[in-house]
Structures are given as C-alpha cells and as structure tokens.
C-alpha cells in the first residue's frame, strides 16, 4: 500500500485551527525555496518552516 502524500491528507484534528506564518517563518520558507531553485515556497517549505522552533513533545511517526 502506498502512503498518501502530505497534500492528499486532511489536516489532523488535534492540531486545532491553522495559524498564519510569522514574518520570520515566511522568510525561512522563502529561503528554502530559493535554495531549491524555486521562485516561491511550496506547501512542504511552509510546513517545514512552521515546524521549526516548535517544542518536541513527541517523536514524529514514520
């Protein structure tokens, strides 16, 4: 069975309502996109920037 991509999954209910990225997190996402040769950040860049700096309360599932 093939796992669904992150953009094909619904948002987990335990996360609550989505919050806007801070200007610093937006800059990190834009920098990641530029490093990858993209003109603007994609969903994965935004998710990665949003997760940076969050407290690690539980390990990520794989």
PDB file of N, CA and C in Angstrom:
ATOM      1  N   UNK A   1       0.843  -1.184   0.000  1.00  0.00           N
ATOM      2  CA  UNK A   1       0.000   0.000   0.000  1.00  0.00           C
ATOM      3  C   UNK A   1       0.888   1.248   0.000  1.00  0.00           C
ATOM      4  N   UNK A   2       0.564   2.184  -0.835  1.00  0.00           N
ATOM      5  CA  UNK A   2       1.335   3.409  -0.961  1.00  0.00           C
ATOM      6  C   UNK A   2       0.755   4.450  -0.008  1.00  0.00           C
ATOM      7  N   UNK A   3       1.634   5.107   0.755  1.00  0.00           N
ATOM      8  CA  UNK A   3       1.186   6.148   1.680  1.00  0.00           C
ATOM      9  C   UNK A   3       0.765   7.390   0.895  1.00  0.00           C
ATOM     10  N   UNK A   4      -0.238   8.101   1.411  1.00  0.00           N
ATOM     11  CA  UNK A   4      -0.690   9.326   0.770  1.00  0.00           C
ATOM     12  C   UNK A   4       0.346  10.429   0.978  1.00  0.00           C
ATOM     13  N   UNK A   5       0.422  11.310   0.009  1.00  0.00           N
ATOM     14  CA  UNK A   5       1.297  12.468   0.137  1.00  0.00           C
ATOM     15  C   UNK A   5       0.670  13.451   1.134  1.00  0.00           C
ATOM     16  N   UNK A   6       1.484  14.346   1.670  1.00  0.00           N
ATOM     17  CA  UNK A   6       1.014  15.269   2.700  1.00  0.00           C
ATOM     18  C   UNK A   6      -0.128  16.148   2.180  1.00  0.00           C
ATOM     19  N   UNK A   7      -0.098  16.516   0.908  1.00  0.00           N
ATOM     20  CA  UNK A   7      -1.152  17.375   0.357  1.00  0.00           C
ATOM     21  C   UNK A   7      -2.437  16.613   0.048  1.00  0.00           C
ATOM     22  N   UNK A   8      -2.403  15.278   0.112  1.00  0.00           N
ATOM     23  CA  UNK A   8      -3.604  14.475  -0.112  1.00  0.00           C
ATOM     24  C   UNK A   8      -4.310  14.110   1.193  1.00  0.00           C
ATOM     25  N   UNK A   9      -3.702  14.421   2.323  1.00  0.00           N
ATOM     26  CA  UNK A   9      -4.272  14.073   3.628  1.00  0.00           C
ATOM     27  C   UNK A   9      -5.022  15.272   4.205  1.00  0.00           C
ATOM     28  N   UNK A  10      -6.087  15.015   4.963  1.00  0.00           N
ATOM     29  CA  UNK A  10      -6.742  16.129   5.666  1.00  0.00           C
ATOM     30  C   UNK A  10      -5.898  16.576   6.850  1.00  0.00           C
ATOM     31  N   UNK A  11      -6.112  17.788   7.276  1.00  0.00           N
ATOM     32  CA  UNK A  11      -5.381  18.317   8.437  1.00  0.00           C
ATOM     33  C   UNK A  11      -5.779  17.522   9.678  1.00  0.00           C
ATOM     34  N   UNK A  12      -4.802  17.106  10.501  1.00  0.00           N
ATOM     35  CA  UNK A  12      -5.144  16.378  11.731  1.00  0.00           C
ATOM     36  C   UNK A  12      -6.014  17.235  12.654  1.00  0.00           C
ATOM     37  N   UNK A  13      -7.033  16.631  13.233  1.00  0.00           N
ATOM     38  CA  UNK A  13      -7.969  17.376  14.080  1.00  0.00           C
ATOM     39  C   UNK A  13      -7.325  17.860  15.370  1.00  0.00           C
ATOM     40  N   UNK A  14      -6.324  17.149  15.864  1.00  0.00           N
ATOM     41  CA  UNK A  14      -5.674  17.521  17.118  1.00  0.00           C
ATOM     42  C   UNK A  14      -4.824  18.775  17.037  1.00  0.00           C
ATOM     43  N   UNK A  15      -4.590  19.293  15.845  1.00  0.00           N
ATOM     44  CA  UNK A  15      -3.734  20.474  15.698  1.00  0.00           C
ATOM     45  C   UNK A  15      -4.476  21.779  15.941  1.00  0.00           C
ATOM     46  N   UNK A  16      -5.778  21.746  15.931  1.00  0.00           N
ATOM     47  CA  UNK A  16      -6.538  22.980  16.105  1.00  0.00           C
ATOM     48  C   UNK A  16      -6.605  23.765  14.807  1.00  0.00           C
ATOM     49  N   UNK A  17      -6.966  25.045  14.927  1.00  0.00           N
ATOM     50  CA  UNK A  17      -7.099  25.885  13.734  1.00  0.00           C
ATOM     51  C   UNK A  17      -5.725  26.280  13.201  1.00  0.00           C
ATOM     52  N   UNK A  18      -5.594  26.397  11.884  1.00  0.00           N
ATOM     53  CA  UNK A  18      -4.311  26.823  11.319  1.00  0.00           C
ATOM     54  C   UNK A  18      -3.979  28.261  11.719  1.00  0.00           C
ATOM     55  N   UNK A  19      -2.709  28.539  11.871  1.00  0.00           N
ATOM     56  CA  UNK A  19      -2.246  29.886  12.217  1.00  0.00           C
ATOM     57  C   UNK A  19      -1.367  30.389  11.090  1.00  0.00           C
ATOM     58  N   UNK A  20      -1.345  31.700  10.907  1.00  0.00           N
ATOM     59  CA  UNK A  20      -0.515  32.306   9.864  1.00  0.00           C
ATOM     60  C   UNK A  20       0.958  32.187  10.245  1.00  0.00           C
ATOM     61  N   UNK A  21       1.805  32.071   9.232  1.00  0.00           N
ATOM     62  CA  UNK A  21       3.242  32.056   9.480  1.00  0.00           C
ATOM     63  C   UNK A  21       3.703  33.444   9.902  1.00  0.00           C
ATOM     64  N   UNK A  22       4.641  33.485  10.829  1.00  0.00           N
ATOM     65  CA  UNK A  22       5.225  34.764  11.230  1.00  0.00           C
ATOM     66  C   UNK A  22       6.122  35.254  10.097  1.00  0.00           C
ATOM     67  N   UNK A  23       6.457  36.529  10.082  1.00  0.00           N
ATOM     68  CA  UNK A  23       7.362  37.024   9.038  1.00  0.00           C
ATOM     69  C   UNK A  23       8.708  36.272   9.017  1.00  0.00           C
ATOM     70  N   UNK A  24       9.205  35.888  10.174  1.00  0.00           N
ATOM     71  CA  UNK A  24      10.474  35.150  10.227  1.00  0.00           C
ATOM     72  C   UNK A  24      10.321  33.764   9.607  1.00  0.00           C
ATOM     73  N   UNK A  25       9.199  33.098   9.868  1.00  0.00           N
ATOM     74  CA  UNK A  25       8.956  31.776   9.299  1.00  0.00           C
ATOM     75  C   UNK A  25       8.718  31.865   7.794  1.00  0.00           C
ATOM     76  N   UNK A  26       8.070  32.949   7.352  1.00  0.00           N
ATOM     77  CA  UNK A  26       7.888  33.158   5.917  1.00  0.00           C
ATOM     78  C   UNK A  26       9.243  33.320   5.238  1.00  0.00           C
ATOM     79  N   UNK A  27      10.142  34.050   5.889  1.00  0.00           N
ATOM     80  CA  UNK A  27      11.474  34.260   5.325  1.00  0.00           C
ATOM     81  C   UNK A  27      12.228  32.938   5.228  1.00  0.00           C
ATOM     82  N   UNK A  28      12.081  32.067   6.245  1.00  0.00           N
ATOM     83  CA  UNK A  28      12.737  30.750   6.201  1.00  0.00           C
ATOM     84  C   UNK A  28      12.190  29.909   5.058  1.00  0.00           C
ATOM     85  N   UNK A  29      10.873  29.948   4.848  1.00  0.00           N
ATOM     86  CA  UNK A  29      10.258  29.193   3.758  1.00  0.00           C
ATOM     87  C   UNK A  29      10.730  29.727   2.405  1.00  0.00           C
ATOM     88  N   UNK A  30      10.822  31.048   2.271  1.00  0.00           N
ATOM     89  CA  UNK A  30      11.292  31.642   1.018  1.00  0.00           C
ATOM     90  C   UNK A  30      12.751  31.287   0.766  1.00  0.00           C
ATOM     91  N   UNK A  31      13.565  31.265   1.823  1.00  0.00           N
ATOM     92  CA  UNK A  31      14.973  30.904   1.678  1.00  0.00           C
ATOM     93  C   UNK A  31      15.118  29.449   1.261  1.00  0.00           C
ATOM     94  N   UNK A  32      14.297  28.573   1.815  1.00  0.00           N
ATOM     95  CA  UNK A  32      14.339  27.159   1.436  1.00  0.00           C
ATOM     96  C   UNK A  32      13.947  26.987  -0.024  1.00  0.00           C
ATOM     97  N   UNK A  33      12.954  27.743  -0.469  1.00  0.00           N
ATOM     98  CA  UNK A  33      12.530  27.664  -1.862  1.00  0.00           C
ATOM     99  C   UNK A  33      13.635  28.176  -2.786  1.00  0.00           C
ATOM    100  N   UNK A  34      14.261  29.276  -2.410  1.00  0.00           N
ATOM    101  CA  UNK A  34      15.340  29.827  -3.232  1.00  0.00           C
ATOM    102  C   UNK A  34      16.513  28.859  -3.307  1.00  0.00           C
ATOM    103  N   UNK A  35      16.827  28.196  -2.193  1.00  0.00           N
ATOM    104  CA  UNK A  35      17.926  27.227  -2.177  1.00  0.00           C
ATOM    105  C   UNK A  35      17.631  26.041  -3.085  1.00  0.00           C
ATOM    106  N   UNK A  36      16.353  25.724  -3.248  1.00  0.00           N
ATOM    107  CA  UNK A  36      15.948  24.611  -4.111  1.00  0.00           C
ATOM    108  C   UNK A  36      15.695  25.067  -5.549  1.00  0.00           C
ATOM    109  N   UNK A  37      15.866  26.369  -5.823  1.00  0.00           N
ATOM    110  CA  UNK A  37      15.694  26.876  -7.178  1.00  0.00           C
ATOM    111  C   UNK A  37      14.262  27.203  -7.556  1.00  0.00           C
ATOM    112  N   UNK A  38      13.397  27.347  -6.553  1.00  0.00           N
ATOM    113  CA  UNK A  38      12.003  27.695  -6.839  1.00  0.00           C
ATOM    114  C   UNK A  38      11.783  29.181  -6.578  1.00  0.00           C
ATOM    115  N   UNK A  39      10.914  29.848  -7.331  1.00  0.00           N
ATOM    116  CA  UNK A  39      10.700  31.279  -7.134  1.00  0.00           C
ATOM    117  C   UNK A  39       9.870  31.611  -5.888  1.00  0.00           C
ATOM    118  N   UNK A  40       9.113  30.648  -5.394  1.00  0.00           N
ATOM    119  CA  UNK A  40       8.301  30.883  -4.198  1.00  0.00           C
ATOM    120  C   UNK A  40       8.157  29.566  -3.437  1.00  0.00           C
ATOM    121  N   UNK A  41       7.848  29.622  -2.131  1.00  0.00           N
ATOM    122  CA  UNK A  41       7.767  28.405  -1.323  1.00  0.00           C
ATOM    123  C   UNK A  41       6.553  27.548  -1.647  1.00  0.00           C
ATOM    124  N   UNK A  42       6.720  26.237  -1.537  1.00  0.00           N
ATOM    125  CA  UNK A  42       5.604  25.318  -1.735  1.00  0.00           C
ATOM    126  C   UNK A  42       5.083  24.865  -0.365  1.00  0.00           C
ATOM    127  N   UNK A  43       4.115  23.986  -0.363  1.00  0.00           N
ATOM    128  CA  UNK A  43       3.499  23.522   0.881  1.00  0.00           C
ATOM    129  C   UNK A  43       4.530  22.900   1.821  1.00  0.00           C
ATOM    130  N   UNK A  44       5.431  22.110   1.275  1.00  0.00           N
ATOM    131  CA  UNK A  44       6.431  21.435   2.109  1.00  0.00           C
ATOM    132  C   UNK A  44       7.361  22.460   2.765  1.00  0.00           C
ATOM    133  N   UNK A  45       7.774  23.500   2.031  1.00  0.00           N
ATOM    134  CA  UNK A  45       8.604  24.561   2.618  1.00  0.00           C
ATOM    135  C   UNK A  45       7.866  25.237   3.768  1.00  0.00           C
ATOM    136  N   UNK A  46       6.577  25.518   3.556  1.00  0.00           N
ATOM    137  CA  UNK A  46       5.781  26.177   4.594  1.00  0.00           C
ATOM    138  C   UNK A  46       5.617  25.297   5.827  1.00  0.00           C
ATOM    139  N   UNK A  47       5.358  24.009   5.624  1.00  0.00           N
ATOM    140  CA  UNK A  47       5.201  23.094   6.755  1.00  0.00           C
ATOM    141  C   UNK A  47       6.499  22.998   7.531  1.00  0.00           C
ATOM    142  N   UNK A  48       7.611  22.863   6.812  1.00  0.00           N
ATOM    143  CA  UNK A  48       8.909  22.744   7.469  1.00  0.00           C
ATOM    144  C   UNK A  48       9.231  24.016   8.257  1.00  0.00           C
ATOM    145  N   UNK A  49       8.934  25.190   7.689  1.00  0.00           N
ATOM    146  CA  UNK A  49       9.185  26.455   8.381  1.00  0.00           C
ATOM    147  C   UNK A  49       8.282  26.583   9.610  1.00  0.00           C
ATOM    148  N   UNK A  50       7.038  26.137   9.508  1.00  0.00           N
ATOM    149  CA  UNK A  50       6.104  26.220  10.634  1.00  0.00           C
ATOM    150  C   UNK A  50       6.535  25.301  11.770  1.00  0.00           C
ATOM    151  N   UNK A  51       7.127  24.150  11.439  1.00  0.00           N
ATOM    152  CA  UNK A  51       7.537  23.204  12.472  1.00  0.00           C
ATOM    153  C   UNK A  51       8.812  23.626  13.174  1.00  0.00           C
ATOM    154  N   UNK A  52       9.666  24.409  12.529  1.00  0.00           N
ATOM    155  CA  UNK A  52      10.921  24.833  13.141  1.00  0.00           C
ATOM    156  C   UNK A  52      10.620  25.644  14.393  1.00  0.00           C
ATOM    157  N   UNK A  53      11.302  25.316  15.469  1.00  0.00           N
ATOM    158  CA  UNK A  53      11.129  26.064  16.708  1.00  0.00           C
ATOM    159  C   UNK A  53      10.012  25.559  17.583  1.00  0.00           C
ATOM    160  N   UNK A  54       9.244  24.577  17.123  1.00  0.00           N
ATOM    161  CA  UNK A  54       8.191  24.021  17.963  1.00  0.00           C
ATOM    162  C   UNK A  54       8.812  23.077  18.982  1.00  0.00           C
ATOM    163  N   UNK A  55       8.233  23.010  20.151  1.00  0.00           N
ATOM    164  CA  UNK A  55       8.711  22.079  21.177  1.00  0.00           C
ATOM    165  C   UNK A  55       8.459  20.660  20.719  1.00  0.00           C
ATOM    166  N   UNK A  56       9.432  19.803  20.919  1.00  0.00           N
ATOM    167  CA  UNK A  56       9.277  18.401  20.515  1.00  0.00           C
ATOM    168  C   UNK A  56       8.683  17.620  21.685  1.00  0.00           C
ATOM    169  N   UNK A  57       7.366  17.534  21.698  1.00  0.00           N
ATOM    170  CA  UNK A  57       6.701  16.831  22.791  1.00  0.00           C
ATOM    171  C   UNK A  57       6.614  15.328  22.527  1.00  0.00           C
ATOM    172  N   UNK A  58       6.562  14.946  21.256  1.00  0.00           N
ATOM    173  CA  UNK A  58       6.516  13.522  20.942  1.00  0.00           C
ATOM    174  C   UNK A  58       7.259  13.285  19.629  1.00  0.00           C
ATOM    175  N   UNK A  59       7.870  12.140  19.466  1.00  0.00           N
ATOM    176  CA  UNK A  59       8.626  11.880  18.241  1.00  0.00           C
ATOM    177  C   UNK A  59       7.715  11.770  17.022  1.00  0.00           C
ATOM    178  N   UNK A  60       8.262  12.109  15.872  1.00  0.00           N
ATOM    179  CA  UNK A  60       7.498  12.037  14.629  1.00  0.00           C
ATOM    180  C   UNK A  60       7.259  10.597  14.245  1.00  0.00           C
ATOM    181  N   UNK A  61       6.066  10.331  13.706  1.00  0.00           N
ATOM    182  CA  UNK A  61       5.732   8.970  13.250  1.00  0.00           C
ATOM    183  C   UNK A  61       6.230   8.798  11.839  1.00  0.00           C
ATOM    184  N   UNK A  62       6.692   7.621  11.522  1.00  0.00           N
ATOM    185  CA  UNK A  62       7.135   7.337  10.155  1.00  0.00           C
ATOM    186  C   UNK A  62       6.443   6.153   9.618  1.00  0.00           C
TER     187      UNK A  62
END
